[in-house]
Amino acid sequence: MAPMLLLPLLLTALGSAPARAQAPLNLTVHYEALCPDSKHFVVDQLEPLWRRIGSSDVLSLQFVPWGKAWEHEDPTGDGAYVTCQHGPAECWGNRLHGCVLSQLADAGQQLAAVSCLMRNYRWLHAAAPICVRAAGLDWRRVARCSFSESALADALAFGRRTRQLQPPLTFVPTVTADGQQDGQQLMLYNLEFFVCETWRMRTGEPAPGCPTDSA
């Protein structure tokens, strides 16, 4: 659907009266390490948007690497284990992403690392050390983390967050803006338009880097 056709839906969700924003727009990306649609969103939508208008005053980013993974109770009674949509390699990849995210506090650094990993998702084992080192992290430390109990605990926490989505996740990636999925298709396929319009409706003025007249 074209952006202009989706605009009335977006305006309905946002309300029509401009008001000064009190906080940046919080985008949360629910994704999977080996998912091609997740790769396209992060690399083709989110990263270019951040380069243009990325600012902690405008955008806050959170990443939830889980997607359509499943948590299972270990039949031996020894905790839980996880299976993933794209197999064991993706479960490892999700844990790897979680370890990288936990060691980077800055949203821009997190996005750069996630984007590098997603851009190279087809050969993740070979590319991961390069992406991790490019982020300024110790590859040995991150690799050990990806096989640790703490990485599993973080993964299960990502799973709980994903299961709390309303409506429930049916497509990966799923993106929320301030916890809401309104305008989901627009976020996935024209994120810049969504963010610029949302910011303009909230503040009455364009965000830095957005067109001065995005309507």
Protein backbone atom coordinates (compact mmCIF):
# COMPACT_ATOMS: atom_id res chain seq x y z
CA MET A 1 0.00 0.00 0.00
CA ALA A 2 1.35 3.46 -0.91
CA PRO A 3 2.45 5.80 1.91
CA MET A 4 -0.22 8.37 1.09
CA LEU A 5 -2.95 5.73 1.35
CA LEU A 6 -1.63 4.69 4.76
CA LEU A 7 -1.38 8.27 6.00
CA PRO A 8 -5.02 8.52 7.21
CA LEU A 9 -4.52 5.36 9.29
CA LEU A 10 -1.37 6.80 10.78
CA LEU A 11 -3.01 10.12 11.60
CA THR A 12 -5.91 8.34 13.28
CA ALA A 13 -3.51 6.41 15.46
CA LEU A 14 -1.52 9.52 16.38
CA GLY A 15 -4.35 11.99 16.83
CA SER A 16 -4.60 15.25 14.94
CA ALA A 17 -3.45 17.82 17.50
CA PRO A 18 0.31 18.48 17.48
CA ALA A 19 1.90 18.37 20.91
CA ARG A 20 5.49 18.77 22.03
CA ALA A 21 7.13 15.35 22.41
CA GLN A 22 8.38 14.62 25.90
CA ALA A 23 10.57 11.70 24.87
CA PRO A 24 12.14 10.21 21.75
CA LEU A 25 10.14 7.74 19.70
CA ASN A 26 11.02 4.28 20.97
CA LEU A 27 11.40 1.73 18.17
CA THR A 28 11.69 -1.90 19.25
CA VAL A 29 12.69 -4.44 16.61
CA HIS A 30 11.66 -8.06 17.20
CA TYR A 31 13.79 -10.05 14.76
CA GLU A 32 15.77 -13.26 14.09
CA ALA A 33 19.47 -13.68 13.36
CA LEU A 34 19.02 -15.70 10.13
CA CYS A 35 15.81 -14.10 8.83
CA PRO A 36 16.07 -12.46 5.37
CA ASP A 37 13.13 -10.14 6.10
CA SER A 38 14.85 -9.03 9.31
CA LYS A 39 18.00 -8.39 7.31
CA HIS A 40 16.16 -6.24 4.77
CA PHE A 41 14.47 -4.18 7.48
CA VAL A 42 17.63 -3.52 9.48
CA VAL A 43 19.92 -2.91 6.50
CA ASP A 44 17.54 -1.21 4.05
CA GLN A 45 15.16 0.65 6.38
CA LEU A 46 16.55 1.18 9.86
CA GLU A 47 20.23 1.81 9.17
CA PRO A 48 19.63 4.44 6.43
CA LEU A 49 17.06 6.16 8.65
CA TRP A 50 19.50 6.29 11.55
CA ARG A 51 22.22 7.74 9.32
CA ARG A 52 19.84 10.48 8.26
CA ILE A 53 18.05 11.41 11.47
CA GLY A 54 19.49 9.13 14.14
CA SER A 55 19.57 11.04 17.41
CA SER A 56 18.83 10.08 20.98
CA ASP A 57 16.52 13.13 21.02
CA VAL A 58 14.41 11.69 18.19
CA LEU A 59 14.83 7.90 18.27
CA SER A 60 15.43 5.32 20.93
CA LEU A 61 16.24 1.82 19.64
CA GLN A 62 15.81 -1.58 21.24
CA PHE A 63 16.52 -4.96 19.67
CA VAL A 64 14.84 -8.26 20.64
CA PRO A 65 16.53 -11.22 18.88
CA TRP A 66 13.97 -14.00 19.25
CA GLY A 67 11.25 -13.91 16.57
CA LYS A 68 9.54 -17.27 16.12
CA ALA A 69 11.76 -19.21 18.47
CA TRP A 70 10.17 -21.54 21.01
CA GLU A 71 10.98 -22.20 24.64
CA HIS A 72 10.67 -25.79 25.83
CA GLU A 73 10.88 -27.43 29.22
CA ASP A 74 13.74 -29.89 29.39
CA PRO A 75 12.14 -33.33 29.99
CA THR A 76 14.99 -34.16 32.37
CA GLY A 77 13.86 -31.28 34.57
CA ASP A 78 17.09 -29.40 33.96
CA GLY A 79 15.74 -25.97 33.05
CA ALA A 80 14.62 -24.95 29.55
CA TYR A 81 15.93 -25.15 26.01
CA VAL A 82 15.14 -23.22 22.82
CA THR A 83 14.40 -24.19 19.21
CA CYS A 84 14.37 -21.66 16.41
CA GLN A 85 12.58 -21.15 13.11
CA HIS A 86 15.78 -21.49 11.08
CA GLY A 87 17.36 -24.21 13.18
CA PRO A 88 20.17 -24.47 15.76
CA ALA A 89 22.40 -22.04 13.88
CA GLU A 90 19.80 -19.33 14.38
CA CYS A 91 19.50 -20.10 18.08
CA TRP A 92 23.24 -19.54 18.36
CA GLY A 93 22.96 -16.41 16.23
CA ASN A 94 20.21 -15.00 18.44
CA ARG A 95 22.34 -15.61 21.54
CA LEU A 96 25.30 -14.01 19.78
CA HIS A 97 23.23 -10.93 19.02
CA GLY A 98 22.12 -10.80 22.64
CA CYS A 99 25.73 -10.93 23.85
CA VAL A 100 26.76 -8.12 21.49
CA LEU A 101 23.81 -5.97 22.53
CA SER A 102 24.55 -6.49 26.22
CA GLN A 103 28.12 -5.25 25.76
CA LEU A 104 27.24 -2.10 23.79
CA ALA A 105 25.40 0.69 25.57
CA ASP A 106 25.10 3.18 22.69
CA ALA A 107 22.15 2.71 20.30
CA GLY A 108 24.18 3.74 17.28
CA GLN A 109 26.88 1.19 18.12
CA GLN A 110 24.26 -1.49 18.67
CA LEU A 111 22.66 -0.76 15.30
CA ALA A 112 26.02 -0.80 13.50
CA ALA A 113 26.86 -4.20 15.00
CA VAL A 114 23.42 -5.69 14.37
CA SER A 115 23.44 -4.35 10.82
CA CYS A 116 26.86 -5.90 10.14
CA LEU A 117 25.73 -9.27 11.51
CA MET A 118 22.45 -9.17 9.57
CA ARG A 119 24.11 -8.05 6.33
CA ASN A 120 26.29 -11.16 6.58
CA TYR A 121 23.69 -13.51 8.05
CA ARG A 122 24.18 -16.18 5.36
CA TRP A 123 27.76 -16.74 6.50
CA LEU A 124 27.39 -15.63 10.11
CA HIS A 125 30.03 -17.92 11.61
CA ALA A 126 32.69 -16.47 9.31
CA ALA A 127 31.53 -12.85 9.53
CA ALA A 128 30.72 -12.65 13.24
CA PRO A 129 34.33 -12.14 14.44
CA ILE A 130 34.79 -9.31 11.92
CA CYS A 131 31.55 -7.58 12.92
CA VAL A 132 32.23 -7.99 16.63
CA ARG A 133 35.74 -6.62 16.40
CA ALA A 134 34.50 -3.73 14.23
CA ALA A 135 32.17 -2.86 17.12
CA GLY A 136 35.21 -2.60 19.41
CA LEU A 137 34.44 -5.81 21.31
CA ASP A 138 36.61 -8.78 22.22
CA TRP A 139 35.58 -11.66 19.96
CA ARG A 140 36.74 -14.34 22.39
CA ARG A 141 34.64 -12.83 25.16
CA VAL A 142 31.57 -12.55 22.92
CA ALA A 143 32.03 -16.08 21.58
CA ARG A 144 32.23 -17.50 25.12
CA CYS A 145 29.16 -15.50 26.05
CA SER A 146 27.16 -16.95 23.14
CA PHE A 147 27.47 -20.45 24.64
CA SER A 148 26.91 -19.39 28.25
CA GLU A 149 24.03 -19.83 30.64
CA SER A 150 23.70 -16.06 30.86
CA ALA A 151 23.12 -15.91 27.08
CA LEU A 152 20.39 -18.51 27.43
CA ALA A 153 18.81 -16.54 30.27
CA ASP A 154 18.88 -13.39 28.14
CA ALA A 155 17.36 -15.31 25.21
CA LEU A 156 14.52 -16.58 27.40
CA ALA A 157 13.90 -13.01 28.55
CA PHE A 158 13.71 -11.92 24.90
CA GLY A 159 11.21 -14.72 24.38
CA ARG A 160 9.02 -13.47 27.23
CA ARG A 161 9.07 -9.97 25.77
CA THR A 162 8.07 -11.31 22.38
CA ARG A 163 5.19 -13.34 23.80
CA GLN A 164 3.87 -10.20 25.48
CA LEU A 165 3.29 -8.49 22.13
CA GLN A 166 -0.34 -7.56 21.46
CA PRO A 167 -1.37 -8.46 18.88
CA PRO A 168 0.89 -11.54 19.01
CA LEU A 169 3.84 -11.78 16.66
CA THR A 170 2.97 -13.51 13.39
CA PHE A 171 5.61 -11.98 11.10
CA VAL A 172 9.33 -11.42 11.57
CA PRO A 173 10.41 -8.72 11.93
CA THR A 174 7.73 -7.04 14.00
CA VAL A 175 8.38 -3.44 15.00
CA THR A 176 6.71 -1.40 17.71
CA ALA A 177 6.72 2.36 18.13
CA ASP A 178 6.28 3.33 21.78
CA GLY A 179 5.03 -0.20 22.36
CA GLN A 180 2.35 -0.07 19.66
CA GLN A 181 2.13 -1.86 16.33
CA ASP A 182 -0.11 0.75 14.66
CA GLY A 183 1.17 1.45 11.16
CA GLN A 184 3.13 -1.84 11.10
CA GLN A 185 3.24 -2.16 7.30
CA LEU A 186 4.36 1.43 6.93
CA MET A 187 7.10 0.90 9.52
CA LEU A 188 8.35 -2.18 7.70
CA TYR A 189 8.36 -0.76 4.18
CA ASN A 190 8.73 3.02 4.59
CA LEU A 191 10.16 3.56 8.04
CA GLU A 192 11.48 7.03 7.26
CA PHE A 193 8.02 8.26 6.27
CA PHE A 194 6.50 6.73 9.42
CA VAL A 195 9.04 8.28 11.78
CA CYS A 196 9.01 11.69 10.10
CA GLU A 197 5.21 11.86 10.11
CA THR A 198 4.98 10.62 13.67
CA TRP A 199 7.48 13.20 14.88
CA ARG A 200 5.78 16.00 12.97
CA MET A 201 2.38 15.10 14.43
CA ARG A 202 3.80 14.89 17.95
CA THR A 203 5.81 18.10 17.86
CA GLY A 204 4.36 20.23 15.08
CA GLU A 205 7.77 20.43 13.37
CA PRO A 206 10.01 18.13 11.32
CA ALA A 207 12.69 16.04 12.96
CA PRO A 208 16.30 16.80 11.96
CA GLY A 209 16.96 15.15 8.61
CA CYS A 210 13.28 14.80 7.72
CA PRO A 211 11.71 16.69 4.80
CA THR A 212 10.31 20.03 5.93
CA ASP A 213 6.96 19.05 4.40
CA SER A 214 6.54 15.24 4.65
CA ALA A 215 2.75 15.22 4.17
